[in-house]
């Protein structure tokens, strides 16, 4: 299959941790290298994730939308990277992929080949307006 994105990342986000898999071009185009890292969901952990992704020159980050756990990760990374929030139903859970690392690799491969579409996430200004409206209504 053709690669759409040369340097991409797949994130498997949980309540306390984020597992990241980054595809880095290898010596030959047919054998890419995958680097895996695990980070805490604290501010310091997410800043380490951001710095790690920047050091690997990642162009696109894809993450699975699970509950509300994706929000802090998305909000912290949105200024530095192109982010895709992916619908879990569109990624088809493949049998045998039961670990966080395998999930992150699978997300990375789907993004790399352009096999998923991002979900709509409103721009920052609209999200802030929504929060203000909800606060005022409450």
C-alpha atoms as a PDB file:
ATOM      1  CA  UNK A   1       0.000   0.000   0.000  1.00  0.00           C
ATOM      2  CA  UNK A   2       1.092   3.556  -0.618  1.00  0.00           C
ATOM      3  CA  UNK A   3       2.106   5.665   2.326  1.00  0.00           C
ATOM      4  CA  UNK A   4       0.226   8.939   2.546  1.00  0.00           C
ATOM      5  CA  UNK A   5       2.115  10.296   5.564  1.00  0.00           C
ATOM      6  CA  UNK A   6       5.866   9.761   5.997  1.00  0.00           C
ATOM      7  CA  UNK A   7       6.118  10.672   9.690  1.00  0.00           C
ATOM      8  CA  UNK A   8       3.008   9.953  11.710  1.00  0.00           C
ATOM      9  CA  UNK A   9       2.057   8.910  15.196  1.00  0.00           C
ATOM     10  CA  UNK A  10      -0.705   6.786  16.675  1.00  0.00           C
ATOM     11  CA  UNK A  11      -1.790   7.460  20.254  1.00  0.00           C
ATOM     12  CA  UNK A  12      -3.636   5.016  22.477  1.00  0.00           C
ATOM     13  CA  UNK A  13      -5.028   7.235  25.237  1.00  0.00           C
ATOM     14  CA  UNK A  14      -6.122   5.985  28.649  1.00  0.00           C
ATOM     15  CA  UNK A  15      -6.950   7.663  31.937  1.00  0.00           C
ATOM     16  CA  UNK A  16      -3.433   7.494  33.403  1.00  0.00           C
ATOM     17  CA  UNK A  17      -1.199   6.875  30.384  1.00  0.00           C
ATOM     18  CA  UNK A  18      -0.692   7.536  26.690  1.00  0.00           C
ATOM     19  CA  UNK A  19       1.069   4.992  24.497  1.00  0.00           C
ATOM     20  CA  UNK A  20       2.571   6.518  21.361  1.00  0.00           C
ATOM     21  CA  UNK A  21       3.871   4.761  18.259  1.00  0.00           C
ATOM     22  CA  UNK A  22       5.757   6.879  15.711  1.00  0.00           C
ATOM     23  CA  UNK A  23       6.548   5.752  12.180  1.00  0.00           C
ATOM     24  CA  UNK A  24       9.977   6.962  11.095  1.00  0.00           C
ATOM     25  CA  UNK A  25      11.312   6.253   7.595  1.00  0.00           C
ATOM     26  CA  UNK A  26      13.935   3.514   7.713  1.00  0.00           C
ATOM     27  CA  UNK A  27      16.962   2.998   5.515  1.00  0.00           C
ATOM     28  CA  UNK A  28      14.754   1.656   2.756  1.00  0.00           C
ATOM     29  CA  UNK A  29      11.231   2.869   2.126  1.00  0.00           C
ATOM     30  CA  UNK A  30       9.868  -0.676   2.325  1.00  0.00           C
ATOM     31  CA  UNK A  31      11.014  -1.116   5.955  1.00  0.00           C
ATOM     32  CA  UNK A  32       9.905   1.772   8.157  1.00  0.00           C
ATOM     33  CA  UNK A  33      11.013   1.965  11.763  1.00  0.00           C
ATOM     34  CA  UNK A  34       8.494   2.244  14.575  1.00  0.00           C
ATOM     35  CA  UNK A  35       9.407   3.909  17.864  1.00  0.00           C
ATOM     36  CA  UNK A  36       7.183   3.392  20.891  1.00  0.00           C
ATOM     37  CA  UNK A  37       6.935   5.489  24.045  1.00  0.00           C
ATOM     38  CA  UNK A  38       4.657   5.600  27.060  1.00  0.00           C
ATOM     39  CA  UNK A  39       3.828   8.829  28.849  1.00  0.00           C
ATOM     40  CA  UNK A  40       1.738   9.865  31.830  1.00  0.00           C
ATOM     41  CA  UNK A  41      -1.369  11.996  31.305  1.00  0.00           C
ATOM     42  CA  UNK A  42      -0.116  14.625  33.727  1.00  0.00           C
ATOM     43  CA  UNK A  43       0.892  18.001  32.324  1.00  0.00           C
ATOM     44  CA  UNK A  44       4.561  17.124  32.662  1.00  0.00           C
ATOM     45  CA  UNK A  45       4.023  13.774  30.916  1.00  0.00           C
ATOM     46  CA  UNK A  46       2.120  15.387  28.042  1.00  0.00           C
ATOM     47  CA  UNK A  47       4.836  18.021  27.640  1.00  0.00           C
ATOM     48  CA  UNK A  48       7.380  15.196  27.395  1.00  0.00           C
ATOM     49  CA  UNK A  49       5.175  13.561  24.748  1.00  0.00           C
ATOM     50  CA  UNK A  50       5.047  16.837  22.790  1.00  0.00           C
ATOM     51  CA  UNK A  51       8.823  17.250  22.941  1.00  0.00           C
ATOM     52  CA  UNK A  52       9.371  13.619  21.912  1.00  0.00           C
ATOM     53  CA  UNK A  53       7.057  13.985  18.910  1.00  0.00           C
ATOM     54  CA  UNK A  54       8.769  17.232  17.902  1.00  0.00           C
ATOM     55  CA  UNK A  55      12.214  15.603  18.130  1.00  0.00           C
ATOM     56  CA  UNK A  56      11.029  12.877  15.732  1.00  0.00           C
ATOM     57  CA  UNK A  57       9.604  15.534  13.338  1.00  0.00           C
ATOM     58  CA  UNK A  58       6.098  14.052  13.373  1.00  0.00           C
ATOM     59  CA  UNK A  59       3.694  15.603  10.837  1.00  0.00           C
ATOM     60  CA  UNK A  60       0.385  14.024  11.824  1.00  0.00           C
ATOM     61  CA  UNK A  61      -0.924  12.528  15.074  1.00  0.00           C
ATOM     62  CA  UNK A  62      -3.952  10.230  15.165  1.00  0.00           C
ATOM     63  CA  UNK A  63      -5.714   9.273  18.380  1.00  0.00           C
ATOM     64  CA  UNK A  64      -8.728   7.175  19.203  1.00  0.00           C
ATOM     65  CA  UNK A  65     -11.691   8.989  20.751  1.00  0.00           C
ATOM     66  CA  UNK A  66     -12.284   7.188  24.036  1.00  0.00           C
ATOM     67  CA  UNK A  67     -14.536   8.920  26.542  1.00  0.00           C
ATOM     68  CA  UNK A  68     -13.186  12.306  27.549  1.00  0.00           C
ATOM     69  CA  UNK A  69      -9.587  11.129  28.046  1.00  0.00           C
ATOM     70  CA  UNK A  70      -8.509  12.432  24.631  1.00  0.00           C
ATOM     71  CA  UNK A  71      -9.328  16.071  25.439  1.00  0.00           C
ATOM     72  CA  UNK A  72      -6.267  17.082  27.520  1.00  0.00           C
ATOM     73  CA  UNK A  73      -3.948  15.359  25.040  1.00  0.00           C
ATOM     74  CA  UNK A  74      -5.636  17.029  22.068  1.00  0.00           C
ATOM     75  CA  UNK A  75      -5.712  20.491  23.656  1.00  0.00           C
ATOM     76  CA  UNK A  76      -2.032  20.370  24.595  1.00  0.00           C
ATOM     77  CA  UNK A  77      -0.820  19.115  21.196  1.00  0.00           C
ATOM     78  CA  UNK A  78      -3.128  21.039  18.860  1.00  0.00           C
ATOM     79  CA  UNK A  79      -0.858  24.098  18.528  1.00  0.00           C
ATOM     80  CA  UNK A  80       2.185  22.051  17.471  1.00  0.00           C
ATOM     81  CA  UNK A  81       0.854  19.205  15.306  1.00  0.00           C
ATOM     82  CA  UNK A  82      -1.928  18.313  12.919  1.00  0.00           C
ATOM     83  CA  UNK A  83      -4.215  16.120  15.015  1.00  0.00           C
ATOM     84  CA  UNK A  84      -6.837  13.637  13.917  1.00  0.00           C
ATOM     85  CA  UNK A  85      -9.431  12.414  16.362  1.00  0.00           C
ATOM     86  CA  UNK A  86     -10.500   8.986  15.112  1.00  0.00           C
ATOM     87  CA  UNK A  87     -13.772   7.208  15.695  1.00  0.00           C
ATOM     88  CA  UNK A  88     -13.186   3.837  17.364  1.00  0.00           C
ATOM     89  CA  UNK A  89     -15.871   2.183  15.208  1.00  0.00           C
ATOM     90  CA  UNK A  90     -14.033   3.099  12.015  1.00  0.00           C
ATOM     91  CA  UNK A  91     -10.810   1.472  13.147  1.00  0.00           C
ATOM     92  CA  UNK A  92     -12.241  -2.049  13.410  1.00  0.00           C
ATOM     93  CA  UNK A  93     -10.722  -3.751  16.397  1.00  0.00           C
ATOM     94  CA  UNK A  94      -8.607  -6.542  14.974  1.00  0.00           C
ATOM     95  CA  UNK A  95      -8.477  -9.841  16.894  1.00  0.00           C
ATOM     96  CA  UNK A  96      -5.199 -10.372  18.696  1.00  0.00           C
ATOM     97  CA  UNK A  97      -4.498  -6.667  19.227  1.00  0.00           C
ATOM     98  CA  UNK A  98      -4.991  -6.516  22.966  1.00  0.00           C
ATOM     99  CA  UNK A  99      -2.072  -4.423  24.215  1.00  0.00           C
ATOM    100  CA  UNK A 100      -1.680  -0.656  24.257  1.00  0.00           C
ATOM    101  CA  UNK A 101       1.430  -0.875  22.088  1.00  0.00           C
ATOM    102  CA  UNK A 102      -0.354  -2.968  19.458  1.00  0.00           C
ATOM    103  CA  UNK A 103      -3.293  -0.525  19.448  1.00  0.00           C
ATOM    104  CA  UNK A 104      -0.941   2.445  18.999  1.00  0.00           C
ATOM    105  CA  UNK A 105       0.864   0.650  16.152  1.00  0.00           C
ATOM    106  CA  UNK A 106      -2.465  -0.153  14.474  1.00  0.00           C
ATOM    107  CA  UNK A 107      -3.631   3.471  14.722  1.00  0.00           C
ATOM    108  CA  UNK A 108      -0.279   4.630  13.325  1.00  0.00           C
ATOM    109  CA  UNK A 109      -0.534   2.244  10.360  1.00  0.00           C
ATOM    110  CA  UNK A 110      -4.101   3.332   9.563  1.00  0.00           C
ATOM    111  CA  UNK A 111      -3.085   7.004   9.624  1.00  0.00           C
ATOM    112  CA  UNK A 112       0.093   6.297   7.655  1.00  0.00           C
ATOM    113  CA  UNK A 113      -1.855   4.745   4.774  1.00  0.00           C
ATOM    114  CA  UNK A 114      -4.759   7.194   4.876  1.00  0.00           C
ATOM    115  CA  UNK A 115      -7.336   4.545   5.779  1.00  0.00           C
ATOM    116  CA  UNK A 116      -9.196   6.625   8.375  1.00  0.00           C
ATOM    117  CA  UNK A 117     -10.860  10.014   8.389  1.00  0.00           C
ATOM    118  CA  UNK A 118     -10.685  12.479  11.250  1.00  0.00           C
ATOM    119  CA  UNK A 119     -13.755  13.355  13.272  1.00  0.00           C
ATOM    120  CA  UNK A 120     -14.824  16.975  13.498  1.00  0.00           C
ATOM    121  CA  UNK A 121     -13.407  18.890  16.453  1.00  0.00           C
ATOM    122  CA  UNK A 122     -14.545  22.522  16.618  1.00  0.00           C
ATOM    123  CA  UNK A 123     -11.858  25.215  16.530  1.00  0.00           C
ATOM    124  CA  UNK A 124     -10.490  26.476  19.846  1.00  0.00           C
ATOM    125  CA  UNK A 125     -12.560  29.699  19.775  1.00  0.00           C
ATOM    126  CA  UNK A 126     -15.827  27.781  19.284  1.00  0.00           C
ATOM    127  CA  UNK A 127     -14.954  25.338  22.088  1.00  0.00           C
ATOM    128  CA  UNK A 128     -14.294  28.260  24.440  1.00  0.00           C
ATOM    129  CA  UNK A 129     -17.618  29.849  23.474  1.00  0.00           C
ATOM    130  CA  UNK A 130     -19.420  26.541  24.095  1.00  0.00           C
ATOM    131  CA  UNK A 131     -17.830  26.226  27.528  1.00  0.00           C
ATOM    132  CA  UNK A 132     -18.844  29.789  28.407  1.00  0.00           C
ATOM    133  CA  UNK A 133     -22.414  29.148  27.229  1.00  0.00           C
ATOM    134  CA  UNK A 134     -22.643  25.921  29.235  1.00  0.00           C
ATOM    135  CA  UNK A 135     -21.242  27.644  32.309  1.00  0.00           C
ATOM    136  CA  UNK A 136     -23.716  30.508  31.963  1.00  0.00           C
ATOM    137  CA  UNK A 137     -26.641  28.135  31.477  1.00  0.00           C
ATOM    138  CA  UNK A 138     -25.698  26.119  34.589  1.00  0.00           C
END
